[in-house]
Amino acid sequence: MKVQLLIYQFFIFFFILPIAANLIPNNCAASDIINKTIYREDKRLNLHEVTIPQIKTWARSTAAMIPTYWFEKPEDFDGMRFDLMPSNLDVCSWERFSEQTAVAECTGFLVGPDVLVTAGHCAPTKKICEDYYWVFDFKLKEDGTNPRYFLHDQIYSCKELIYSSLYYPTPDIAVIRLDREVVDRAPLTFRDVDKVADNANLVVIGHPSGLPSKVSLSGTIVDNTNPQFFTAHVDTFSGNSGSPVFDLTSGLVEGVLVRGNRDYVLNTEHRCFEAFVCLDQNNCTASESVQRISVIRKKI
């Protein structure tokens, strides 16, 4: 299965994404389709550091997309655990979160009792969809240690790929029916008409670079004119693909994070990778793209 995933990832990055880049407006480079970045200062928080109750409630309805091969079923536990602890984030040792497990490949969120939304490039086919679990509460423990064990009610699989699209002008969104209804988690409320306010205070919840759940605060809208998506300055990375983007004031999911700027740059002196930071947020030439969720309201 690992070989199949590697072949698929090779195909996506070297064949599909270059083609898709030519079909996506806003002058996105091929590397921009999935990559994200930091604007001015890193505003990401571990979930247990968040002090706003409603954000913690929203986070309960978000899930990490993790390959099934990472898990095993212990005989004496009602759930699953990582077979071997995944490696930590492969970046410079002084980078934030470098000591944390990095295993999620995308993010998704509940829009129905057994229906989840993510980015289209995260689940382009039913076969790919079936190779992953959707894991709720993939977050650091309160003592800051990495998670390993997950209860049965925290792990779900793909039963049906209701809708999936990648190429512009169709939306980069996938709608997935899970194998059963999710327990004790409410579907998120999303915008189904009109568009997000230009001055919205944006919040993103997800799994940047595959990490346990992070919350990115104080995002701002850059361009709100395109009918399919809007662009924003939010601190996100590749594992944030599929993350819900909220308006903090209204509480609505305004869209799905799908692409952006580069994630990391090479520190040539130390031969390791550092997060790419756009120091002058007002003059950044790139931004993150958020697919408006309202464009697929009839698919949900």
C-alpha atoms as a PDB file:
ATOM      1  CA  MET A   1       0.000   0.000   0.000  1.00  0.00           C
ATOM      2  CA  LYS A   2       2.864   2.374   0.780  1.00  0.00           C
ATOM      3  CA  VAL A   3       4.215   1.795  -2.716  1.00  0.00           C
ATOM      4  CA  GLN A   4       0.826   2.625  -4.235  1.00  0.00           C
ATOM      5  CA  LEU A   5       0.656   5.864  -2.256  1.00  0.00           C
ATOM      6  CA  LEU A   6       4.151   6.877  -3.298  1.00  0.00           C
ATOM      7  CA  ILE A   7       3.327   6.222  -6.950  1.00  0.00           C
ATOM      8  CA  TYR A   8       0.131   8.241  -6.614  1.00  0.00           C
ATOM      9  CA  GLN A   9       1.921  11.146  -4.927  1.00  0.00           C
ATOM     10  CA  PHE A  10       4.611  11.101  -7.646  1.00  0.00           C
ATOM     11  CA  PHE A  11       1.896  11.190 -10.310  1.00  0.00           C
ATOM     12  CA  ILE A  12       0.052  14.064  -8.605  1.00  0.00           C
ATOM     13  CA  PHE A  13       3.106  16.249  -8.057  1.00  0.00           C
ATOM     14  CA  PHE A  14       4.825  15.706 -11.395  1.00  0.00           C
ATOM     15  CA  PHE A  15       1.896  15.312 -13.794  1.00  0.00           C
ATOM     16  CA  ILE A  16      -1.469  16.411 -12.355  1.00  0.00           C
ATOM     17  CA  LEU A  17      -0.423  19.521 -10.416  1.00  0.00           C
ATOM     18  CA  PRO A  18       1.543  21.110 -13.265  1.00  0.00           C
ATOM     19  CA  ILE A  19      -1.513  20.678 -15.494  1.00  0.00           C
ATOM     20  CA  ALA A  20      -3.869  21.950 -12.798  1.00  0.00           C
ATOM     21  CA  ALA A  21      -1.680  24.994 -12.262  1.00  0.00           C
ATOM     22  CA  ASN A  22      -2.394  26.074 -15.815  1.00  0.00           C
ATOM     23  CA  LEU A  23      -6.114  25.811 -15.190  1.00  0.00           C
ATOM     24  CA  ILE A  24      -6.204  27.794 -11.943  1.00  0.00           C
ATOM     25  CA  PRO A  25      -6.461  31.579 -12.097  1.00  0.00           C
ATOM     26  CA  ASN A  26      -4.755  34.186  -9.899  1.00  0.00           C
ATOM     27  CA  ASN A  27      -1.316  33.354 -11.358  1.00  0.00           C
ATOM     28  CA  CYS A  28      -0.673  30.421  -9.010  1.00  0.00           C
ATOM     29  CA  ALA A  29       2.541  28.480  -9.548  1.00  0.00           C
ATOM     30  CA  ALA A  30       2.414  24.688  -9.609  1.00  0.00           C
ATOM     31  CA  SER A  31       3.912  24.584  -6.117  1.00  0.00           C
ATOM     32  CA  ASP A  32       1.179  26.952  -4.893  1.00  0.00           C
ATOM     33  CA  ILE A  33      -1.660  24.481  -5.379  1.00  0.00           C
ATOM     34  CA  ILE A  34      -1.028  22.695  -2.104  1.00  0.00           C
ATOM     35  CA  ASN A  35       1.647  24.753  -0.319  1.00  0.00           C
ATOM     36  CA  LYS A  36       0.844  27.376   2.299  1.00  0.00           C
ATOM     37  CA  THR A  37       2.928  29.832   4.371  1.00  0.00           C
ATOM     38  CA  ILE A  38       3.269  32.198   7.377  1.00  0.00           C
ATOM     39  CA  TYR A  39       2.404  35.902   7.182  1.00  0.00           C
ATOM     40  CA  ARG A  40       4.481  38.300   9.302  1.00  0.00           C
ATOM     41  CA  GLU A  41       4.411  36.197  12.488  1.00  0.00           C
ATOM     42  CA  ASP A  42       3.327  32.659  13.228  1.00  0.00           C
ATOM     43  CA  LYS A  43      -0.146  32.836  14.763  1.00  0.00           C
ATOM     44  CA  ARG A  44      -0.716  29.076  15.040  1.00  0.00           C
ATOM     45  CA  LEU A  45      -1.655  27.616  18.423  1.00  0.00           C
ATOM     46  CA  ASN A  46      -1.815  24.090  19.751  1.00  0.00           C
ATOM     47  CA  LEU A  47      -5.442  23.288  20.424  1.00  0.00           C
ATOM     48  CA  HIS A  48      -4.994  23.145  24.210  1.00  0.00           C
ATOM     49  CA  GLU A  49      -3.567  26.702  24.100  1.00  0.00           C
ATOM     50  CA  VAL A  50      -6.744  28.154  22.584  1.00  0.00           C
ATOM     51  CA  THR A  51      -8.841  30.171  25.051  1.00  0.00           C
ATOM     52  CA  ILE A  52     -11.943  30.786  22.906  1.00  0.00           C
ATOM     53  CA  PRO A  53     -14.538  28.082  23.753  1.00  0.00           C
ATOM     54  CA  GLN A  54     -16.345  28.173  20.408  1.00  0.00           C
ATOM     55  CA  ILE A  55     -13.106  27.419  18.527  1.00  0.00           C
ATOM     56  CA  LYS A  56     -12.525  24.355  20.692  1.00  0.00           C
ATOM     57  CA  THR A  57     -16.076  23.235  19.906  1.00  0.00           C
ATOM     58  CA  TRP A  58     -15.483  23.672  16.162  1.00  0.00           C
ATOM     59  CA  ALA A  59     -12.230  21.717  16.403  1.00  0.00           C
ATOM     60  CA  ARG A  60     -14.107  18.664  17.711  1.00  0.00           C
ATOM     61  CA  SER A  61     -15.776  18.443  14.299  1.00  0.00           C
ATOM     62  CA  THR A  62     -12.507  18.490  12.335  1.00  0.00           C
ATOM     63  CA  ALA A  63     -10.551  15.359  11.449  1.00  0.00           C
ATOM     64  CA  ALA A  64      -7.091  14.374  10.240  1.00  0.00           C
ATOM     65  CA  MET A  65      -6.680  12.241   7.120  1.00  0.00           C
ATOM     66  CA  ILE A  66      -4.095   9.604   8.102  1.00  0.00           C
ATOM     67  CA  PRO A  67      -2.977   6.563   6.045  1.00  0.00           C
ATOM     68  CA  THR A  68      -4.428   3.305   7.349  1.00  0.00           C
ATOM     69  CA  TYR A  69      -1.011   1.624   7.386  1.00  0.00           C
ATOM     70  CA  TRP A  70       0.012   3.673  10.436  1.00  0.00           C
ATOM     71  CA  PHE A  71      -2.502   1.898  12.663  1.00  0.00           C
ATOM     72  CA  GLU A  72      -2.870  -1.416  14.445  1.00  0.00           C
ATOM     73  CA  LYS A  73      -5.663  -2.865  16.589  1.00  0.00           C
ATOM     74  CA  PRO A  74      -4.477  -3.767  20.125  1.00  0.00           C
ATOM     75  CA  GLU A  75      -6.219  -6.760  21.674  1.00  0.00           C
ATOM     76  CA  ASP A  76      -6.889  -5.017  24.979  1.00  0.00           C
ATOM     77  CA  PHE A  77      -8.074  -1.626  23.684  1.00  0.00           C
ATOM     78  CA  ASP A  78     -11.364  -0.471  22.121  1.00  0.00           C
ATOM     79  CA  GLY A  79      -9.802   1.446  19.303  1.00  0.00           C
ATOM     80  CA  MET A  80      -6.520   1.729  17.457  1.00  0.00           C
ATOM     81  CA  ARG A  81      -3.009   3.008  18.012  1.00  0.00           C
ATOM     82  CA  PHE A  82      -0.101   3.962  15.839  1.00  0.00           C
ATOM     83  CA  ASP A  83       1.742   0.741  14.972  1.00  0.00           C
ATOM     84  CA  LEU A  84       5.062   2.574  15.194  1.00  0.00           C
ATOM     85  CA  MET A  85       5.207   6.165  16.335  1.00  0.00           C
ATOM     86  CA  PRO A  86       5.494   8.317  13.193  1.00  0.00           C
ATOM     87  CA  SER A  87       8.571  10.495  12.919  1.00  0.00           C
ATOM     88  CA  ASN A  88       8.588  14.098  14.023  1.00  0.00           C
ATOM     89  CA  LEU A  89       8.370  17.018  11.627  1.00  0.00           C
ATOM     90  CA  ASP A  90      11.513  17.023   9.481  1.00  0.00           C
ATOM     91  CA  VAL A  91      12.625  20.642   9.859  1.00  0.00           C
ATOM     92  CA  CYS A  92      15.342  22.637  11.628  1.00  0.00           C
ATOM     93  CA  SER A  93      15.436  21.800  15.321  1.00  0.00           C
ATOM     94  CA  TRP A  94      14.575  25.381  16.336  1.00  0.00           C
ATOM     95  CA  GLU A  95      11.394  25.464  14.270  1.00  0.00           C
ATOM     96  CA  ARG A  96       8.087  25.566  16.137  1.00  0.00           C
ATOM     97  CA  PHE A  97       6.471  22.141  16.606  1.00  0.00           C
ATOM     98  CA  SER A  98       9.601  20.307  15.384  1.00  0.00           C
ATOM     99  CA  GLU A  99       9.237  17.761  18.201  1.00  0.00           C
ATOM    100  CA  GLN A 100       5.679  16.823  17.267  1.00  0.00           C
ATOM    101  CA  THR A 101       4.435  13.828  15.282  1.00  0.00           C
ATOM    102  CA  ALA A 102       3.761  14.618  11.613  1.00  0.00           C
ATOM    103  CA  VAL A 103       1.475  12.028   9.999  1.00  0.00           C
ATOM    104  CA  ALA A 104      -1.739  13.661   8.702  1.00  0.00           C
ATOM    105  CA  GLU A 105      -1.899  14.355   4.973  1.00  0.00           C
ATOM    106  CA  CYS A 106      -5.033  16.505   4.862  1.00  0.00           C
ATOM    107  CA  THR A 107      -7.815  17.915   7.033  1.00  0.00           C
ATOM    108  CA  GLY A 108     -11.587  17.487   6.809  1.00  0.00           C
ATOM    109  CA  PHE A 109     -14.687  18.597   8.701  1.00  0.00           C
ATOM    110  CA  LEU A 110     -18.209  17.385   9.391  1.00  0.00           C
ATOM    111  CA  VAL A 111     -21.158  18.869   7.507  1.00  0.00           C
ATOM    112  CA  GLY A 112     -23.618  16.068   8.318  1.00  0.00           C
ATOM    113  CA  PRO A 113     -23.924  13.174  10.795  1.00  0.00           C
ATOM    114  CA  ASP A 114     -21.826  10.951   8.512  1.00  0.00           C
ATOM    115  CA  VAL A 115     -20.694  13.411   5.817  1.00  0.00           C
ATOM    116  CA  LEU A 116     -17.314  15.110   5.703  1.00  0.00           C
ATOM    117  CA  VAL A 117     -15.832  17.761   3.400  1.00  0.00           C
ATOM    118  CA  THR A 118     -12.181  18.122   2.398  1.00  0.00           C
ATOM    119  CA  ALA A 119     -10.190  19.393  -0.578  1.00  0.00           C
ATOM    120  CA  GLY A 120     -10.722  17.578  -3.872  1.00  0.00           C
ATOM    121  CA  HIS A 121      -7.018  16.828  -4.309  1.00  0.00           C
ATOM    122  CA  CYS A 122      -7.055  15.009  -0.940  1.00  0.00           C
ATOM    123  CA  ALA A 123      -9.586  12.421  -2.122  1.00  0.00           C
ATOM    124  CA  PRO A 124      -9.613  12.392  -5.942  1.00  0.00           C
ATOM    125  CA  THR A 125     -10.772   8.745  -6.263  1.00  0.00           C
ATOM    126  CA  LYS A 126     -12.684   6.186  -4.202  1.00  0.00           C
ATOM    127  CA  LYS A 127      -9.580   3.969  -4.012  1.00  0.00           C
ATOM    128  CA  ILE A 128      -7.461   6.760  -2.558  1.00  0.00           C
ATOM    129  CA  CYS A 129     -10.285   7.648  -0.172  1.00  0.00           C
ATOM    130  CA  GLU A 130     -10.351   4.076   1.159  1.00  0.00           C
ATOM    131  CA  ASP A 131      -6.611   4.112   1.942  1.00  0.00           C
ATOM    132  CA  TYR A 132      -7.082   6.589   4.781  1.00  0.00           C
ATOM    133  CA  TYR A 133      -8.796   6.906   8.137  1.00  0.00           C
ATOM    134  CA  TRP A 134     -10.458  10.103   9.258  1.00  0.00           C
ATOM    135  CA  VAL A 135      -9.282  10.616  12.828  1.00  0.00           C
ATOM    136  CA  PHE A 136     -10.942  13.039  15.216  1.00  0.00           C
ATOM    137  CA  ASP A 137      -9.037  14.488  18.196  1.00  0.00           C
ATOM    138  CA  PHE A 138      -5.615  14.091  16.592  1.00  0.00           C
ATOM    139  CA  LYS A 139      -4.180  16.694  18.941  1.00  0.00           C
ATOM    140  CA  LEU A 140      -1.510  17.024  21.599  1.00  0.00           C
ATOM    141  CA  LYS A 141      -2.365  15.774  25.055  1.00  0.00           C
ATOM    142  CA  GLU A 142      -2.831  18.377  27.770  1.00  0.00           C
ATOM    143  CA  ASP A 143       0.733  17.702  28.971  1.00  0.00           C
ATOM    144  CA  GLY A 144       2.054  18.477  25.481  1.00  0.00           C
ATOM    145  CA  THR A 145       2.945  14.904  24.514  1.00  0.00           C
ATOM    146  CA  ASN A 146       2.125  13.329  21.156  1.00  0.00           C
ATOM    147  CA  PRO A 147      -1.028  11.202  20.851  1.00  0.00           C
ATOM    148  CA  ARG A 148      -0.844   7.491  20.035  1.00  0.00           C
ATOM    149  CA  TYR A 149      -4.122   5.817  21.075  1.00  0.00           C
ATOM    150  CA  PHE A 150      -7.537   6.561  19.550  1.00  0.00           C
ATOM    151  CA  LEU A 151     -10.922   5.188  20.586  1.00  0.00           C
ATOM    152  CA  HIS A 152     -13.258   3.465  18.142  1.00  0.00           C
ATOM    153  CA  ASP A 153     -15.542   6.523  18.115  1.00  0.00           C
ATOM    154  CA  GLN A 154     -12.627   8.730  17.017  1.00  0.00           C
ATOM    155  CA  ILE A 155     -11.710   6.794  13.852  1.00  0.00           C
ATOM    156  CA  TYR A 156     -13.817   6.511  10.681  1.00  0.00           C
ATOM    157  CA  SER A 157     -13.265   5.273   7.148  1.00  0.00           C
ATOM    158  CA  CYS A 158     -14.487   6.251   3.698  1.00  0.00           C
ATOM    159  CA  LYS A 159     -17.713   4.518   2.630  1.00  0.00           C
ATOM    160  CA  GLU A 160     -18.635   6.621  -0.399  1.00  0.00           C
ATOM    161  CA  LEU A 161     -17.044   9.422  -2.379  1.00  0.00           C
ATOM    162  CA  ILE A 162     -20.155  11.508  -2.979  1.00  0.00           C
ATOM    163  CA  TYR A 163     -18.375  14.198  -4.981  1.00  0.00           C
ATOM    164  CA  SER A 164     -14.797  15.040  -5.880  1.00  0.00           C
ATOM    165  CA  SER A 165     -13.311  17.573  -8.261  1.00  0.00           C
ATOM    166  CA  LEU A 166      -9.904  19.173  -8.728  1.00  0.00           C
ATOM    167  CA  TYR A 167      -9.697  21.122 -11.973  1.00  0.00           C
ATOM    168  CA  TYR A 168     -10.788  24.738 -12.267  1.00  0.00           C
ATOM    169  CA  PRO A 169     -13.471  25.931 -12.967  1.00  0.00           C
ATOM    170  CA  THR A 170     -14.980  23.093 -10.928  1.00  0.00           C
ATOM    171  CA  PRO A 171     -14.351  23.466  -7.181  1.00  0.00           C
ATOM    172  CA  ASP A 172     -11.398  21.746  -5.482  1.00  0.00           C
ATOM    173  CA  ILE A 173     -13.647  19.998  -2.978  1.00  0.00           C
ATOM    174  CA  ALA A 174     -14.506  16.416  -2.024  1.00  0.00           C
ATOM    175  CA  VAL A 175     -17.609  15.276  -0.138  1.00  0.00           C
ATOM    176  CA  ILE A 176     -17.217  11.939   1.663  1.00  0.00           C
ATOM    177  CA  ARG A 177     -19.725   9.661   3.350  1.00  0.00           C
ATOM    178  CA  LEU A 178     -18.112   7.964   6.314  1.00  0.00           C
ATOM    179  CA  ASP A 179     -18.689   4.331   7.272  1.00  0.00           C
ATOM    180  CA  ARG A 180     -21.070   5.337  10.100  1.00  0.00           C
ATOM    181  CA  GLU A 181     -22.470   8.373  11.868  1.00  0.00           C
ATOM    182  CA  VAL A 182     -19.949  10.274  13.952  1.00  0.00           C
ATOM    183  CA  VAL A 183     -20.571  10.084  17.690  1.00  0.00           C
ATOM    184  CA  ASP A 184     -20.981  13.154  19.918  1.00  0.00           C
ATOM    185  CA  ARG A 185     -19.800  15.740  17.364  1.00  0.00           C
ATOM    186  CA  ALA A 186     -22.005  18.334  15.690  1.00  0.00           C
ATOM    187  CA  PRO A 187     -21.795  19.107  11.964  1.00  0.00           C
ATOM    188  CA  LEU A 188     -20.400  22.560  11.303  1.00  0.00           C
ATOM    189  CA  THR A 189     -22.611  25.318   9.948  1.00  0.00           C
ATOM    190  CA  PHE A 190     -21.464  26.697   6.612  1.00  0.00           C
ATOM    191  CA  ARG A 191     -22.361  29.593   4.356  1.00  0.00           C
ATOM    192  CA  ASP A 192     -24.782  28.599   1.592  1.00  0.00           C
ATOM    193  CA  VAL A 193     -25.572  32.007   0.070  1.00  0.00           C
ATOM    194  CA  ASP A 194     -23.773  35.292  -0.590  1.00  0.00           C
ATOM    195  CA  LYS A 195     -20.104  35.577   0.425  1.00  0.00           C
ATOM    196  CA  VAL A 196     -17.813  36.276   3.361  1.00  0.00           C
ATOM    197  CA  ALA A 197     -17.440  39.881   4.545  1.00  0.00           C
ATOM    198  CA  ASP A 198     -14.349  41.684   3.264  1.00  0.00           C
ATOM    199  CA  ASN A 199     -13.271  42.531   6.817  1.00  0.00           C
ATOM    200  CA  ALA A 200     -13.890  39.063   8.288  1.00  0.00           C
ATOM    201  CA  ASN A 201     -11.625  37.822  11.092  1.00  0.00           C
ATOM    202  CA  LEU A 202     -10.617  34.397   9.765  1.00  0.00           C
ATOM    203  CA  VAL A 203      -9.803  31.268  11.767  1.00  0.00           C
ATOM    204  CA  VAL A 204      -8.390  28.052  10.289  1.00  0.00           C
ATOM    205  CA  ILE A 205      -8.365  24.687  12.107  1.00  0.00           C
ATOM    206  CA  GLY A 206      -6.354  21.789  10.756  1.00  0.00           C
ATOM    207  CA  HIS A 207      -3.131  19.826  10.542  1.00  0.00           C
ATOM    208  CA  PRO A 208      -0.332  21.944   9.043  1.00  0.00           C
ATOM    209  CA  SER A 209       2.542  19.777   7.786  1.00  0.00           C
ATOM    210  CA  GLY A 210       0.707  16.746   9.184  1.00  0.00           C
ATOM    211  CA  LEU A 211       0.932  17.917  12.798  1.00  0.00           C
ATOM    212  CA  PRO A 212      -1.579  17.455  15.622  1.00  0.00           C
ATOM    213  CA  SER A 213      -4.399  19.996  15.453  1.00  0.00           C
ATOM    214  CA  LYS A 214      -3.440  23.653  15.178  1.00  0.00           C
ATOM    215  CA  VAL A 215      -5.542  26.811  15.139  1.00  0.00           C
ATOM    216  CA  SER A 216      -4.490  29.761  12.978  1.00  0.00           C
ATOM    217  CA  LEU A 217      -5.939  33.040  14.227  1.00  0.00           C
ATOM    218  CA  SER A 218      -6.406  36.580  12.901  1.00  0.00           C
ATOM    219  CA  GLY A 219      -6.499  35.763   9.207  1.00  0.00           C
ATOM    220  CA  THR A 220      -7.411  38.519   6.773  1.00  0.00           C
ATOM    221  CA  ILE A 221      -8.979  38.535   3.320  1.00  0.00           C
ATOM    222  CA  VAL A 222      -6.832  39.738   0.415  1.00  0.00           C
ATOM    223  CA  ASP A 223      -9.220  39.420  -2.556  1.00  0.00           C
ATOM    224  CA  ASN A 224     -12.928  38.621  -2.269  1.00  0.00           C
ATOM    225  CA  THR A 225     -14.010  39.188  -5.876  1.00  0.00           C
ATOM    226  CA  ASN A 226     -13.756  35.737  -7.512  1.00  0.00           C
ATOM    227  CA  PRO A 227     -17.093  33.835  -7.414  1.00  0.00           C
ATOM    228  CA  GLN A 228     -15.343  30.469  -6.860  1.00  0.00           C
ATOM    229  CA  PHE A 229     -12.827  31.316  -4.150  1.00  0.00           C
ATOM    230  CA  PHE A 230     -11.304  34.107  -2.083  1.00  0.00           C
ATOM    231  CA  THR A 231      -7.666  34.663  -1.140  1.00  0.00           C
ATOM    232  CA  ALA A 232      -6.418  35.339   2.376  1.00  0.00           C
ATOM    233  CA  HIS A 233      -3.388  35.732   4.577  1.00  0.00           C
ATOM    234  CA  VAL A 234      -3.637  32.807   7.003  1.00  0.00           C
ATOM    235  CA  ASP A 235      -0.792  30.817   8.555  1.00  0.00           C
ATOM    236  CA  THR A 236      -1.201  27.395   6.959  1.00  0.00           C
ATOM    237  CA  PHE A 237       0.813  24.532   5.447  1.00  0.00           C
ATOM    238  CA  SER A 238       0.272  21.543   3.166  1.00  0.00           C
ATOM    239  CA  GLY A 239      -1.611  19.366   5.694  1.00  0.00           C
ATOM    240  CA  ASN A 240      -4.132  22.183   6.021  1.00  0.00           C
ATOM    241  CA  SER A 241      -5.617  21.242   2.642  1.00  0.00           C
ATOM    242  CA  GLY A 242      -9.292  20.642   3.362  1.00  0.00           C
ATOM    243  CA  SER A 243      -9.300  22.757   6.527  1.00  0.00           C
ATOM    244  CA  PRO A 244     -12.441  24.732   7.346  1.00  0.00           C
ATOM    245  CA  VAL A 245     -11.958  28.498   7.225  1.00  0.00           C
ATOM    246  CA  PHE A 246     -14.293  30.254   9.672  1.00  0.00           C
ATOM    247  CA  ASP A 247     -15.502  33.789  10.125  1.00  0.00           C
ATOM    248  CA  LEU A 248     -14.909  34.166  13.872  1.00  0.00           C
ATOM    249  CA  THR A 249     -17.807  36.616  14.234  1.00  0.00           C
ATOM    250  CA  SER A 250     -20.524  34.666  12.441  1.00  0.00           C
ATOM    251  CA  GLY A 251     -19.225  31.187  13.278  1.00  0.00           C
ATOM    252  CA  LEU A 252     -19.837  30.059   9.700  1.00  0.00           C
ATOM    253  CA  VAL A 253     -17.461  27.949   7.656  1.00  0.00           C
ATOM    254  CA  GLU A 254     -16.782  30.271   4.731  1.00  0.00           C
ATOM    255  CA  GLY A 255     -14.655  27.931   2.694  1.00  0.00           C
ATOM    256  CA  VAL A 256     -12.154  25.108   2.329  1.00  0.00           C
ATOM    257  CA  LEU A 257      -8.419  25.817   2.249  1.00  0.00           C
ATOM    258  CA  VAL A 258      -7.008  24.392  -0.999  1.00  0.00           C
ATOM    259  CA  ARG A 259      -3.731  26.041  -2.045  1.00  0.00           C
ATOM    260  CA  GLY A 260      -1.224  28.761  -1.255  1.00  0.00           C
ATOM    261  CA  ASN A 261       2.369  29.901  -1.063  1.00  0.00           C
ATOM    262  CA  ARG A 262       5.460  27.750  -0.362  1.00  0.00           C
ATOM    263  CA  ASP A 263       5.823  26.074   3.038  1.00  0.00           C
ATOM    264  CA  TYR A 264       9.542  25.896   3.767  1.00  0.00           C
ATOM    265  CA  VAL A 265      12.869  27.261   2.558  1.00  0.00           C
ATOM    266  CA  LEU A 266      16.286  25.649   2.846  1.00  0.00           C
ATOM    267  CA  ASN A 267      18.679  27.019   5.434  1.00  0.00           C
ATOM    268  CA  THR A 268      21.862  26.502   3.434  1.00  0.00           C
ATOM    269  CA  GLU A 269      24.172  26.992   6.417  1.00  0.00           C
ATOM    270  CA  HIS A 270      22.572  24.307   8.579  1.00  0.00           C
ATOM    271  CA  ARG A 271      21.148  22.181   5.731  1.00  0.00           C
ATOM    272  CA  CYS A 272      17.643  22.008   7.138  1.00  0.00           C
ATOM    273  CA  PHE A 273      14.276  23.547   6.356  1.00  0.00           C
ATOM    274  CA  GLU A 274      12.681  26.610   7.935  1.00  0.00           C
ATOM    275  CA  ALA A 275       9.125  27.871   7.593  1.00  0.00           C
ATOM    276  CA  PHE A 276       8.760  30.470   4.859  1.00  0.00           C
ATOM    277  CA  VAL A 277       7.716  33.768   6.429  1.00  0.00           C
ATOM    278  CA  CYS A 278       6.306  36.719   4.504  1.00  0.00           C
ATOM    279  CA  LEU A 279       7.565  39.554   6.720  1.00  0.00           C
ATOM    280  CA  ASP A 280       5.620  42.396   5.096  1.00  0.00           C
ATOM    281  CA  GLN A 281       2.060  41.129   5.048  1.00  0.00           C
ATOM    282  CA  ASN A 282       0.811  44.187   3.152  1.00  0.00           C
ATOM    283  CA  ASN A 283       3.209  43.573   0.258  1.00  0.00           C
ATOM    284  CA  CYS A 284       3.123  39.777  -0.015  1.00  0.00           C
ATOM    285  CA  THR A 285       2.746  38.832  -3.663  1.00  0.00           C
ATOM    286  CA  ALA A 286       1.143  35.486  -2.818  1.00  0.00           C
ATOM    287  CA  SER A 287      -1.673  34.392  -0.555  1.00  0.00           C
ATOM    288  CA  GLU A 288      -3.703  31.315   0.346  1.00  0.00           C
ATOM    289  CA  SER A 289      -6.734  30.335  -1.724  1.00  0.00           C
ATOM    290  CA  VAL A 290      -9.975  29.321  -0.039  1.00  0.00           C
ATOM    291  CA  GLN A 291     -12.613  27.509  -2.073  1.00  0.00           C
ATOM    292  CA  ARG A 292     -16.032  28.967  -1.273  1.00  0.00           C
ATOM    293  CA  ILE A 293     -18.103  26.182   0.254  1.00  0.00           C
ATOM    294  CA  SER A 294     -21.329  27.799  -0.944  1.00  0.00           C
ATOM    295  CA  VAL A 295     -20.554  26.720  -4.530  1.00  0.00           C
ATOM    296  CA  ILE A 296     -21.180  23.059  -3.649  1.00  0.00           C
ATOM    297  CA  ARG A 297     -24.108  23.447  -1.250  1.00  0.00           C
ATOM    298  CA  LYS A 298     -26.253  21.171  -3.447  1.00  0.00           C
ATOM    299  CA  LYS A 299     -23.675  18.372  -3.138  1.00  0.00           C
ATOM    300  CA  ILE A 300     -23.826  18.307   0.669  1.00  0.00           C
END
